[in-house]
Amino acid sequence: MTKHEFGGPWTQLKLDVFRDYVRFFTTALKNKNFNLHYADAFAGTGNQNLKTEEGQPVLFPEEDFEGSVRVALSLNESFQVYHFNDISEEFCQQLHRLSGEYPGVDVRITQLDANDFVREFCAGLGSNDRAVLLLDPYNTELDWESLKVVASSQRIDLWLLFPLSTLLRMTPRDGNRIRPEWEATLNRLLGTDRWITELYKPKEAPQIEDMFGAEPESEVERLNVDGVSKFVKNRLSEQFPFVSDPVTLRNNNSPLFLFFLAVSNPSNVAIGLARKVSGQIIKKYSTR
């Protein structure tokens, strides 16, 4: 059996935050006469065997963690329909086996590129449908255009795992070291080319004339991690009516991902409730 080796100790924090929210979501809407959908575009196998780096202590040797698929399927108040997608044929086969453990549950499994899955899933939602969608790509697989499709649905609460460490690697602190071949990927990931002016600012240094009397070219440097995180949240807020502060997932104190709740429903009630509940959950896990 192929194991889904991804993540690390930070994965458990992500799943704990996610579990608390989907419990709230299904409980809050269970008597509202909505059809509740859960969708996972990068579902994997349903279990996760935590990947460790060389020299990293193995906290839980030989233990498979529940993945987001099992978390969703194991809720006391369940969704009506579960949509699990992965581009890997082997992973989809294991998802089919896992779904057999839950007889009578409406589980739909697809093998699509995640961006195609998002478009198809959103297009299939009707006026009486509400959904939680998890998008936790491994790297830069997710297009910003897919997030715009989710936002326009007005029916989806999105949990997004944004690859902060990848963004930091592709935007070196020294602006002169930006690699041109990465610009198209950054534009696709962030949905704009404004990152070049919003993530990079002139260095605060005195201008010194050279021996010929000419001033050196001004140099720029990238914002710090907090500034980059704020930029990503601001970009999401341009699309979604509500975006939570992120949970920053770290490995050995190095930031890896930003985990956001983004709500597409523009109603004041939905926004107020999402702000309250997400704030409580984030505060609960802020010391981990």
C-alpha atoms as a PDB file:
ATOM      1  CA  MET A   1       0.000   0.000   0.000  1.00  0.00           C
ATOM      2  CA  THR A   2       1.353   3.435  -0.957  1.00  0.00           C
ATOM      3  CA  LYS A   3       1.743   5.701   2.039  1.00  0.00           C
ATOM      4  CA  HIS A   4       0.959   9.397   1.837  1.00  0.00           C
ATOM      5  CA  GLU A   5       4.181  10.876   3.201  1.00  0.00           C
ATOM      6  CA  PHE A   6       3.564  14.543   3.727  1.00  0.00           C
ATOM      7  CA  GLY A   7       3.674  16.968   6.597  1.00  0.00           C
ATOM      8  CA  GLY A   8       5.238  16.847  10.001  1.00  0.00           C
ATOM      9  CA  PRO A   9       4.342  17.721  13.595  1.00  0.00           C
ATOM     10  CA  TRP A  10       2.714  20.902  12.268  1.00  0.00           C
ATOM     11  CA  THR A  11       0.183  18.733  10.422  1.00  0.00           C
ATOM     12  CA  GLN A  12      -1.557  17.834  13.661  1.00  0.00           C
ATOM     13  CA  LEU A  13      -2.107  21.522  14.435  1.00  0.00           C
ATOM     14  CA  LYS A  14      -3.660  22.033  11.003  1.00  0.00           C
ATOM     15  CA  LEU A  15      -5.981  19.074  11.488  1.00  0.00           C
ATOM     16  CA  ASP A  16      -6.980  20.166  15.010  1.00  0.00           C
ATOM     17  CA  VAL A  17      -7.957  23.635  13.752  1.00  0.00           C
ATOM     18  CA  PHE A  18      -9.792  22.127  10.801  1.00  0.00           C
ATOM     19  CA  ARG A  19     -11.612  19.538  12.954  1.00  0.00           C
ATOM     20  CA  ASP A  20     -12.913  22.204  15.338  1.00  0.00           C
ATOM     21  CA  TYR A  21     -14.286  24.267  12.472  1.00  0.00           C
ATOM     22  CA  VAL A  22     -16.051  21.507  10.570  1.00  0.00           C
ATOM     23  CA  ARG A  23     -17.623  20.339  13.845  1.00  0.00           C
ATOM     24  CA  PHE A  24     -18.977  23.849  14.319  1.00  0.00           C
ATOM     25  CA  PHE A  25     -20.129  24.093  10.685  1.00  0.00           C
ATOM     26  CA  THR A  26     -22.114  20.851  10.592  1.00  0.00           C
ATOM     27  CA  THR A  27     -23.630  21.442  14.025  1.00  0.00           C
ATOM     28  CA  ALA A  28     -24.647  25.033  13.273  1.00  0.00           C
ATOM     29  CA  LEU A  29     -26.323  24.142   9.956  1.00  0.00           C
ATOM     30  CA  LYS A  30     -27.813  20.744  10.772  1.00  0.00           C
ATOM     31  CA  ASN A  31     -31.363  22.140  11.175  1.00  0.00           C
ATOM     32  CA  LYS A  32     -31.162  24.824   8.460  1.00  0.00           C
ATOM     33  CA  ASN A  33     -32.487  22.703   5.582  1.00  0.00           C
ATOM     34  CA  PHE A  34     -29.288  23.031   3.542  1.00  0.00           C
ATOM     35  CA  ASN A  35     -27.521  20.269   1.633  1.00  0.00           C
ATOM     36  CA  LEU A  36     -24.090  20.168   3.256  1.00  0.00           C
ATOM     37  CA  HIS A  37     -21.072  19.244   1.136  1.00  0.00           C
ATOM     38  CA  TYR A  38     -17.487  18.614   2.113  1.00  0.00           C
ATOM     39  CA  ALA A  39     -14.807  18.771  -0.580  1.00  0.00           C
ATOM     40  CA  ASP A  40     -11.069  18.081  -0.503  1.00  0.00           C
ATOM     41  CA  ALA A  41      -9.142  18.824  -3.687  1.00  0.00           C
ATOM     42  CA  PHE A  42      -5.837  17.293  -2.482  1.00  0.00           C
ATOM     43  CA  ALA A  43      -7.316  14.394  -0.518  1.00  0.00           C
ATOM     44  CA  GLY A  44      -4.325  12.037  -0.567  1.00  0.00           C
ATOM     45  CA  THR A  45      -5.092   8.589   0.839  1.00  0.00           C
ATOM     46  CA  GLY A  46      -7.106   9.537   3.927  1.00  0.00           C
ATOM     47  CA  ASN A  47      -4.185   8.807   6.243  1.00  0.00           C
ATOM     48  CA  GLN A  48      -0.863  10.560   6.594  1.00  0.00           C
ATOM     49  CA  ASN A  49       2.480   9.035   7.438  1.00  0.00           C
ATOM     50  CA  LEU A  50       4.384  12.059   8.667  1.00  0.00           C
ATOM     51  CA  LYS A  51       7.487  12.809   6.666  1.00  0.00           C
ATOM     52  CA  THR A  52      10.596  13.675   8.675  1.00  0.00           C
ATOM     53  CA  GLU A  53      13.809  15.357   7.639  1.00  0.00           C
ATOM     54  CA  GLU A  54      17.192  13.809   8.323  1.00  0.00           C
ATOM     55  CA  GLY A  55      18.160  14.539  11.899  1.00  0.00           C
ATOM     56  CA  GLN A  56      14.629  15.488  12.909  1.00  0.00           C
ATOM     57  CA  PRO A  57      13.344  13.577  15.960  1.00  0.00           C
ATOM     58  CA  VAL A  58      10.577  11.110  15.192  1.00  0.00           C
ATOM     59  CA  LEU A  59       7.845  12.089  17.631  1.00  0.00           C
ATOM     60  CA  PHE A  60       5.381   9.366  16.656  1.00  0.00           C
ATOM     61  CA  PRO A  61       7.287   6.489  15.036  1.00  0.00           C
ATOM     62  CA  GLU A  62       5.349   4.217  12.665  1.00  0.00           C
ATOM     63  CA  GLU A  63       2.063   6.008  13.417  1.00  0.00           C
ATOM     64  CA  ASP A  64      -0.319   7.061  10.665  1.00  0.00           C
ATOM     65  CA  PHE A  65      -2.345  10.161  11.453  1.00  0.00           C
ATOM     66  CA  GLU A  66      -5.923  10.630  10.438  1.00  0.00           C
ATOM     67  CA  GLY A  67      -5.919  12.787   7.344  1.00  0.00           C
ATOM     68  CA  SER A  68      -8.550  15.418   6.650  1.00  0.00           C
ATOM     69  CA  VAL A  69     -10.648  12.786   4.829  1.00  0.00           C
ATOM     70  CA  ARG A  70     -11.112  10.674   7.966  1.00  0.00           C
ATOM     71  CA  VAL A  71     -11.609  13.773  10.095  1.00  0.00           C
ATOM     72  CA  ALA A  72     -14.552  14.805   7.904  1.00  0.00           C
ATOM     73  CA  LEU A  73     -16.032  11.309   7.657  1.00  0.00           C
ATOM     74  CA  SER A  74     -15.854  10.777  11.428  1.00  0.00           C
ATOM     75  CA  LEU A  75     -17.949  13.797  12.470  1.00  0.00           C
ATOM     76  CA  ASN A  76     -20.946  13.195  14.707  1.00  0.00           C
ATOM     77  CA  GLU A  77     -23.007  15.653  12.653  1.00  0.00           C
ATOM     78  CA  SER A  78     -22.168  14.654   9.117  1.00  0.00           C
ATOM     79  CA  PHE A  79     -22.215  16.261   5.713  1.00  0.00           C
ATOM     80  CA  GLN A  80     -24.692  14.925   3.173  1.00  0.00           C
ATOM     81  CA  VAL A  81     -22.102  14.524   0.399  1.00  0.00           C
ATOM     82  CA  TYR A  82     -18.315  14.052   0.474  1.00  0.00           C
ATOM     83  CA  HIS A  83     -16.188  14.953  -2.561  1.00  0.00           C
ATOM     84  CA  PHE A  84     -12.630  13.614  -2.472  1.00  0.00           C
ATOM     85  CA  ASN A  85     -10.202  14.393  -5.273  1.00  0.00           C
ATOM     86  CA  ASP A  86      -6.582  13.585  -5.953  1.00  0.00           C
ATOM     87  CA  ILE A  87      -4.598  13.537  -9.173  1.00  0.00           C
ATOM     88  CA  SER A  88      -2.818  10.319  -8.110  1.00  0.00           C
ATOM     89  CA  GLU A  89      -4.442   7.120  -9.347  1.00  0.00           C
ATOM     90  CA  GLU A  90      -2.952   5.146  -6.436  1.00  0.00           C
ATOM     91  CA  PHE A  91      -4.312   7.596  -3.893  1.00  0.00           C
ATOM     92  CA  CYS A  92      -7.764   7.461  -5.488  1.00  0.00           C
ATOM     93  CA  GLN A  93      -7.737   3.670  -5.265  1.00  0.00           C
ATOM     94  CA  GLN A  94      -7.027   3.928  -1.550  1.00  0.00           C
ATOM     95  CA  LEU A  95      -9.777   6.514  -1.155  1.00  0.00           C
ATOM     96  CA  HIS A  96     -12.212   4.046  -2.728  1.00  0.00           C
ATOM     97  CA  ARG A  97     -11.106   1.410  -0.208  1.00  0.00           C
ATOM     98  CA  LEU A  98     -11.455   3.845   2.664  1.00  0.00           C
ATOM     99  CA  SER A  99     -14.949   4.893   1.569  1.00  0.00           C
ATOM    100  CA  GLY A 100     -15.971   1.238   1.871  1.00  0.00           C
ATOM    101  CA  GLU A 101     -15.508   1.610   5.641  1.00  0.00           C
ATOM    102  CA  TYR A 102     -18.433   4.052   5.669  1.00  0.00           C
ATOM    103  CA  PRO A 103     -21.403   2.209   4.129  1.00  0.00           C
ATOM    104  CA  GLY A 104     -24.396   4.352   3.268  1.00  0.00           C
ATOM    105  CA  VAL A 105     -22.325   7.539   3.073  1.00  0.00           C
ATOM    106  CA  ASP A 106     -22.440   9.472  -0.208  1.00  0.00           C
ATOM    107  CA  VAL A 107     -18.744   9.612  -1.160  1.00  0.00           C
ATOM    108  CA  ARG A 108     -17.719  10.823  -4.619  1.00  0.00           C
ATOM    109  CA  ILE A 109     -14.123  10.350  -5.709  1.00  0.00           C
ATOM    110  CA  THR A 110     -12.503  12.026  -8.705  1.00  0.00           C
ATOM    111  CA  GLN A 111      -9.028  11.982 -10.233  1.00  0.00           C
ATOM    112  CA  LEU A 112      -8.563  15.495 -11.581  1.00  0.00           C
ATOM    113  CA  ASP A 113      -6.122  18.333 -11.499  1.00  0.00           C
ATOM    114  CA  ALA A 114      -7.124  20.264  -8.381  1.00  0.00           C
ATOM    115  CA  ASN A 115      -7.906  23.433 -10.329  1.00  0.00           C
ATOM    116  CA  ASP A 116     -10.249  21.530 -12.635  1.00  0.00           C
ATOM    117  CA  PHE A 117     -11.871  19.879  -9.626  1.00  0.00           C
ATOM    118  CA  VAL A 118     -12.523  23.246  -7.958  1.00  0.00           C
ATOM    119  CA  ARG A 119     -14.230  24.620 -11.060  1.00  0.00           C
ATOM    120  CA  GLU A 120     -16.410  21.511 -11.476  1.00  0.00           C
ATOM    121  CA  PHE A 121     -17.310  21.349  -7.792  1.00  0.00           C
ATOM    122  CA  CYS A 122     -18.311  25.011  -7.599  1.00  0.00           C
ATOM    123  CA  ALA A 123     -20.317  24.789 -10.818  1.00  0.00           C
ATOM    124  CA  GLY A 124     -22.307  21.883  -9.370  1.00  0.00           C
ATOM    125  CA  LEU A 125     -23.519  23.703  -6.257  1.00  0.00           C
ATOM    126  CA  GLY A 126     -27.138  24.858  -6.195  1.00  0.00           C
ATOM    127  CA  SER A 127     -28.917  27.569  -4.243  1.00  0.00           C
ATOM    128  CA  ASN A 128     -29.701  25.207  -1.355  1.00  0.00           C
ATOM    129  CA  ASP A 129     -26.145  23.886  -1.031  1.00  0.00           C
ATOM    130  CA  ARG A 130     -23.517  24.959   1.475  1.00  0.00           C
ATOM    131  CA  ALA A 131     -19.986  23.588   1.606  1.00  0.00           C
ATOM    132  CA  VAL A 132     -16.648  23.436   3.347  1.00  0.00           C
ATOM    133  CA  LEU A 133     -13.741  23.151   0.927  1.00  0.00           C
ATOM    134  CA  LEU A 134     -10.199  22.258   1.945  1.00  0.00           C
ATOM    135  CA  LEU A 135      -7.383  23.317  -0.362  1.00  0.00           C
ATOM    136  CA  ASP A 136      -4.028  22.197   1.026  1.00  0.00           C
ATOM    137  CA  PRO A 137      -1.661  21.935  -1.940  1.00  0.00           C
ATOM    138  CA  TYR A 138       1.773  20.437  -1.562  1.00  0.00           C
ATOM    139  CA  ASN A 139       3.464  23.393  -3.258  1.00  0.00           C
ATOM    140  CA  THR A 140       2.403  25.812  -6.023  1.00  0.00           C
ATOM    141  CA  GLU A 141      -0.214  23.592  -7.712  1.00  0.00           C
ATOM    142  CA  LEU A 142      -3.144  25.900  -6.933  1.00  0.00           C
ATOM    143  CA  ASP A 143      -3.953  28.767  -9.299  1.00  0.00           C
ATOM    144  CA  TRP A 144      -5.280  32.048  -7.930  1.00  0.00           C
ATOM    145  CA  GLU A 145      -8.043  31.856 -10.541  1.00  0.00           C
ATOM    146  CA  SER A 146      -9.404  28.834  -8.670  1.00  0.00           C
ATOM    147  CA  LEU A 147      -9.721  30.924  -5.512  1.00  0.00           C
ATOM    148  CA  LYS A 148     -11.704  33.520  -7.466  1.00  0.00           C
ATOM    149  CA  VAL A 149     -14.109  30.773  -8.556  1.00  0.00           C
ATOM    150  CA  VAL A 150     -14.580  29.720  -4.920  1.00  0.00           C
ATOM    151  CA  ALA A 151     -15.170  33.315  -3.817  1.00  0.00           C
ATOM    152  CA  SER A 152     -17.807  33.875  -6.502  1.00  0.00           C
ATOM    153  CA  SER A 153     -19.803  30.823  -5.364  1.00  0.00           C
ATOM    154  CA  GLN A 154     -21.081  32.612  -2.215  1.00  0.00           C
ATOM    155  CA  ARG A 155     -21.776  29.157  -0.765  1.00  0.00           C
ATOM    156  CA  ILE A 156     -18.374  27.906   0.394  1.00  0.00           C
ATOM    157  CA  ASP A 157     -16.306  28.247   3.558  1.00  0.00           C
ATOM    158  CA  LEU A 158     -12.733  27.662   2.411  1.00  0.00           C
ATOM    159  CA  TRP A 159      -9.786  26.502   4.478  1.00  0.00           C
ATOM    160  CA  LEU A 160      -6.664  27.342   2.487  1.00  0.00           C
ATOM    161  CA  LEU A 161      -3.151  26.137   3.220  1.00  0.00           C
ATOM    162  CA  PHE A 162      -0.903  28.706   1.571  1.00  0.00           C
ATOM    163  CA  PRO A 163       2.742  27.701   0.874  1.00  0.00           C
ATOM    164  CA  LEU A 164       4.501  30.546   2.665  1.00  0.00           C
ATOM    165  CA  SER A 165       7.952  28.935   2.700  1.00  0.00           C
ATOM    166  CA  THR A 166       7.778  28.424  -1.066  1.00  0.00           C
ATOM    167  CA  LEU A 167       6.827  32.058  -1.588  1.00  0.00           C
ATOM    168  CA  LEU A 168       9.732  33.167   0.599  1.00  0.00           C
ATOM    169  CA  ARG A 169      12.169  31.002  -1.376  1.00  0.00           C
ATOM    170  CA  MET A 170      10.922  32.366  -4.692  1.00  0.00           C
ATOM    171  CA  THR A 171      11.158  35.969  -3.492  1.00  0.00           C
ATOM    172  CA  PRO A 172      14.692  36.276  -2.063  1.00  0.00           C
ATOM    173  CA  ARG A 173      15.308  39.081   0.403  1.00  0.00           C
ATOM    174  CA  ASP A 174      17.667  40.795  -2.045  1.00  0.00           C
ATOM    175  CA  GLY A 175      15.511  42.115  -4.879  1.00  0.00           C
ATOM    176  CA  ASN A 176      18.401  41.820  -7.320  1.00  0.00           C
ATOM    177  CA  ARG A 177      18.277  38.023  -6.958  1.00  0.00           C
ATOM    178  CA  ILE A 178      14.720  37.491  -8.218  1.00  0.00           C
ATOM    179  CA  ARG A 179      14.846  34.794 -10.879  1.00  0.00           C
ATOM    180  CA  PRO A 180      12.922  35.792 -14.032  1.00  0.00           C
ATOM    181  CA  GLU A 181      11.842  32.186 -14.677  1.00  0.00           C
ATOM    182  CA  TRP A 182       9.847  32.234 -11.423  1.00  0.00           C
ATOM    183  CA  GLU A 183       7.811  35.325 -12.225  1.00  0.00           C
ATOM    184  CA  ALA A 184       5.068  33.487 -14.154  1.00  0.00           C
ATOM    185  CA  THR A 185       4.616  31.000 -11.300  1.00  0.00           C
ATOM    186  CA  LEU A 186       4.404  33.825  -8.760  1.00  0.00           C
ATOM    187  CA  ASN A 187       1.858  35.673 -10.905  1.00  0.00           C
ATOM    188  CA  ARG A 188      -0.266  32.511 -11.134  1.00  0.00           C
ATOM    189  CA  LEU A 189       0.069  31.725  -7.415  1.00  0.00           C
ATOM    190  CA  LEU A 190      -0.771  35.255  -6.264  1.00  0.00           C
ATOM    191  CA  GLY A 191      -3.086  36.282  -9.101  1.00  0.00           C
ATOM    192  CA  THR A 192      -1.196  39.485  -9.778  1.00  0.00           C
ATOM    193  CA  ASP A 193       2.180  40.920 -10.715  1.00  0.00           C
ATOM    194  CA  ARG A 194       1.837  43.563  -8.007  1.00  0.00           C
ATOM    195  CA  TRP A 195       3.992  41.437  -5.704  1.00  0.00           C
ATOM    196  CA  ILE A 196       7.061  42.991  -7.314  1.00  0.00           C
ATOM    197  CA  THR A 197       6.143  46.432  -5.938  1.00  0.00           C
ATOM    198  CA  GLU A 198       4.232  45.401  -2.795  1.00  0.00           C
ATOM    199  CA  LEU A 199       6.649  42.786  -1.463  1.00  0.00           C
ATOM    200  CA  TYR A 200       9.792  44.762  -2.326  1.00  0.00           C
ATOM    201  CA  LYS A 201      10.618  48.175  -0.908  1.00  0.00           C
ATOM    202  CA  PRO A 202      13.713  50.392  -1.228  1.00  0.00           C
ATOM    203  CA  LYS A 203      16.422  49.689   1.271  1.00  0.00           C
ATOM    204  CA  GLU A 204      16.806  52.379   3.872  1.00  0.00           C
ATOM    205  CA  ALA A 205      20.419  53.307   3.274  1.00  0.00           C
ATOM    206  CA  PRO A 206      22.197  56.623   2.615  1.00  0.00           C
ATOM    207  CA  GLN A 207      22.933  57.368  -1.013  1.00  0.00           C
ATOM    208  CA  ILE A 208      26.701  57.489  -1.596  1.00  0.00           C
ATOM    209  CA  GLU A 209      28.120  58.962  -4.769  1.00  0.00           C
ATOM    210  CA  ASP A 210      30.730  56.906  -6.540  1.00  0.00           C
ATOM    211  CA  MET A 211      34.094  58.231  -7.714  1.00  0.00           C
ATOM    212  CA  PHE A 212      32.545  59.598 -10.924  1.00  0.00           C
ATOM    213  CA  GLY A 213      29.856  61.522  -9.094  1.00  0.00           C
ATOM    214  CA  ALA A 214      26.975  59.249 -10.156  1.00  0.00           C
ATOM    215  CA  GLU A 215      24.563  57.869  -7.603  1.00  0.00           C
ATOM    216  CA  PRO A 216      24.342  54.070  -7.378  1.00  0.00           C
ATOM    217  CA  GLU A 217      21.114  52.399  -8.469  1.00  0.00           C
ATOM    218  CA  SER A 218      18.551  52.152  -5.674  1.00  0.00           C
ATOM    219  CA  GLU A 219      18.309  48.662  -4.190  1.00  0.00           C
ATOM    220  CA  VAL A 220      15.195  46.946  -2.921  1.00  0.00           C
ATOM    221  CA  GLU A 221      14.613  44.206  -0.386  1.00  0.00           C
ATOM    222  CA  ARG A 222      11.677  41.962   0.374  1.00  0.00           C
ATOM    223  CA  LEU A 223       9.426  42.526   3.359  1.00  0.00           C
ATOM    224  CA  ASN A 224       9.919  40.334   6.420  1.00  0.00           C
ATOM    225  CA  VAL A 225       7.770  37.247   7.077  1.00  0.00           C
ATOM    226  CA  ASP A 226       5.033  39.242   8.800  1.00  0.00           C
ATOM    227  CA  GLY A 227       4.872  41.660   5.881  1.00  0.00           C
ATOM    228  CA  VAL A 228       4.651  38.839   3.344  1.00  0.00           C
ATOM    229  CA  SER A 229       1.906  37.134   5.383  1.00  0.00           C
ATOM    230  CA  LYS A 230      -0.062  40.393   5.525  1.00  0.00           C
ATOM    231  CA  PHE A 231       0.246  40.762   1.744  1.00  0.00           C
ATOM    232  CA  VAL A 232      -1.202  37.275   1.204  1.00  0.00           C
ATOM    233  CA  LYS A 233      -4.114  37.996   3.557  1.00  0.00           C
ATOM    234  CA  ASN A 234      -4.791  41.310   1.804  1.00  0.00           C
ATOM    235  CA  ARG A 235      -4.866  39.542  -1.565  1.00  0.00           C
ATOM    236  CA  LEU A 236      -7.415  37.046  -0.242  1.00  0.00           C
ATOM    237  CA  SER A 237      -9.464  39.880   1.252  1.00  0.00           C
ATOM    238  CA  GLU A 238      -9.767  41.400  -2.214  1.00  0.00           C
ATOM    239  CA  GLN A 239     -11.704  38.263  -3.241  1.00  0.00           C
ATOM    240  CA  PHE A 240     -13.554  37.059  -0.111  1.00  0.00           C
ATOM    241  CA  PRO A 241     -15.955  38.957   2.166  1.00  0.00           C
ATOM    242  CA  PHE A 242     -14.170  37.568   5.229  1.00  0.00           C
ATOM    243  CA  VAL A 243     -10.655  36.221   5.727  1.00  0.00           C
ATOM    244  CA  SER A 244      -9.368  35.159   9.132  1.00  0.00           C
ATOM    245  CA  ASP A 245      -5.945  35.854  10.504  1.00  0.00           C
ATOM    246  CA  PRO A 246      -3.777  32.893   9.540  1.00  0.00           C
ATOM    247  CA  VAL A 247      -2.566  30.075  11.700  1.00  0.00           C
ATOM    248  CA  THR A 248       1.155  29.961  10.926  1.00  0.00           C
ATOM    249  CA  LEU A 249       2.357  26.366  10.711  1.00  0.00           C
ATOM    250  CA  ARG A 250       6.035  25.933  11.540  1.00  0.00           C
ATOM    251  CA  ASN A 251       8.713  23.276  11.550  1.00  0.00           C
ATOM    252  CA  ASN A 252      11.589  23.848  13.967  1.00  0.00           C
ATOM    253  CA  ASN A 253      10.270  27.428  14.297  1.00  0.00           C
ATOM    254  CA  SER A 254      10.596  28.062  10.554  1.00  0.00           C
ATOM    255  CA  PRO A 255       7.316  29.185   8.938  1.00  0.00           C
ATOM    256  CA  LEU A 256       6.024  26.702   6.360  1.00  0.00           C
ATOM    257  CA  PHE A 257       2.371  27.480   5.661  1.00  0.00           C
ATOM    258  CA  LEU A 258      -0.383  29.969   6.404  1.00  0.00           C
ATOM    259  CA  PHE A 259      -3.744  28.366   7.198  1.00  0.00           C
ATOM    260  CA  PHE A 260      -6.657  30.729   6.451  1.00  0.00           C
ATOM    261  CA  LEU A 261     -10.425  30.579   6.685  1.00  0.00           C
ATOM    262  CA  ALA A 262     -11.974  32.485   3.775  1.00  0.00           C
ATOM    263  CA  VAL A 263     -15.767  32.804   3.659  1.00  0.00           C
ATOM    264  CA  SER A 264     -17.513  33.436   0.348  1.00  0.00           C
ATOM    265  CA  ASN A 265     -20.985  34.166   1.783  1.00  0.00           C
ATOM    266  CA  PRO A 266     -21.363  37.979   1.838  1.00  0.00           C
ATOM    267  CA  SER A 267     -24.157  38.095   4.441  1.00  0.00           C
ATOM    268  CA  ASN A 268     -23.412  40.001   7.632  1.00  0.00           C
ATOM    269  CA  VAL A 269     -24.647  37.067   9.728  1.00  0.00           C
ATOM    270  CA  ALA A 270     -22.276  34.610   8.028  1.00  0.00           C
ATOM    271  CA  ILE A 271     -19.347  36.991   8.294  1.00  0.00           C
ATOM    272  CA  GLY A 272     -20.012  37.787  11.950  1.00  0.00           C
ATOM    273  CA  LEU A 273     -20.287  34.132  12.884  1.00  0.00           C
ATOM    274  CA  ALA A 274     -17.152  33.172  10.932  1.00  0.00           C
ATOM    275  CA  ARG A 275     -15.178  35.977  12.555  1.00  0.00           C
ATOM    276  CA  LYS A 276     -16.280  34.918  16.050  1.00  0.00           C
ATOM    277  CA  VAL A 277     -15.738  31.181  15.651  1.00  0.00           C
ATOM    278  CA  SER A 278     -12.447  31.373  13.735  1.00  0.00           C
ATOM    279  CA  GLY A 279     -11.125  33.841  16.314  1.00  0.00           C
ATOM    280  CA  GLN A 280     -11.979  31.438  19.132  1.00  0.00           C
ATOM    281  CA  ILE A 281     -10.345  28.496  17.375  1.00  0.00           C
ATOM    282  CA  ILE A 282      -7.196  30.405  16.474  1.00  0.00           C
ATOM    283  CA  LYS A 283      -6.868  31.712  20.027  1.00  0.00           C
ATOM    284  CA  LYS A 284      -7.315  28.173  21.384  1.00  0.00           C
ATOM    285  CA  TYR A 285      -4.292  26.919  19.434  1.00  0.00           C
ATOM    286  CA  SER A 286      -2.177  30.099  19.519  1.00  0.00           C
ATOM    287  CA  THR A 287       0.324  28.668  21.996  1.00  0.00           C
ATOM    288  CA  ARG A 288       1.157  25.577  19.921  1.00  0.00           C
END
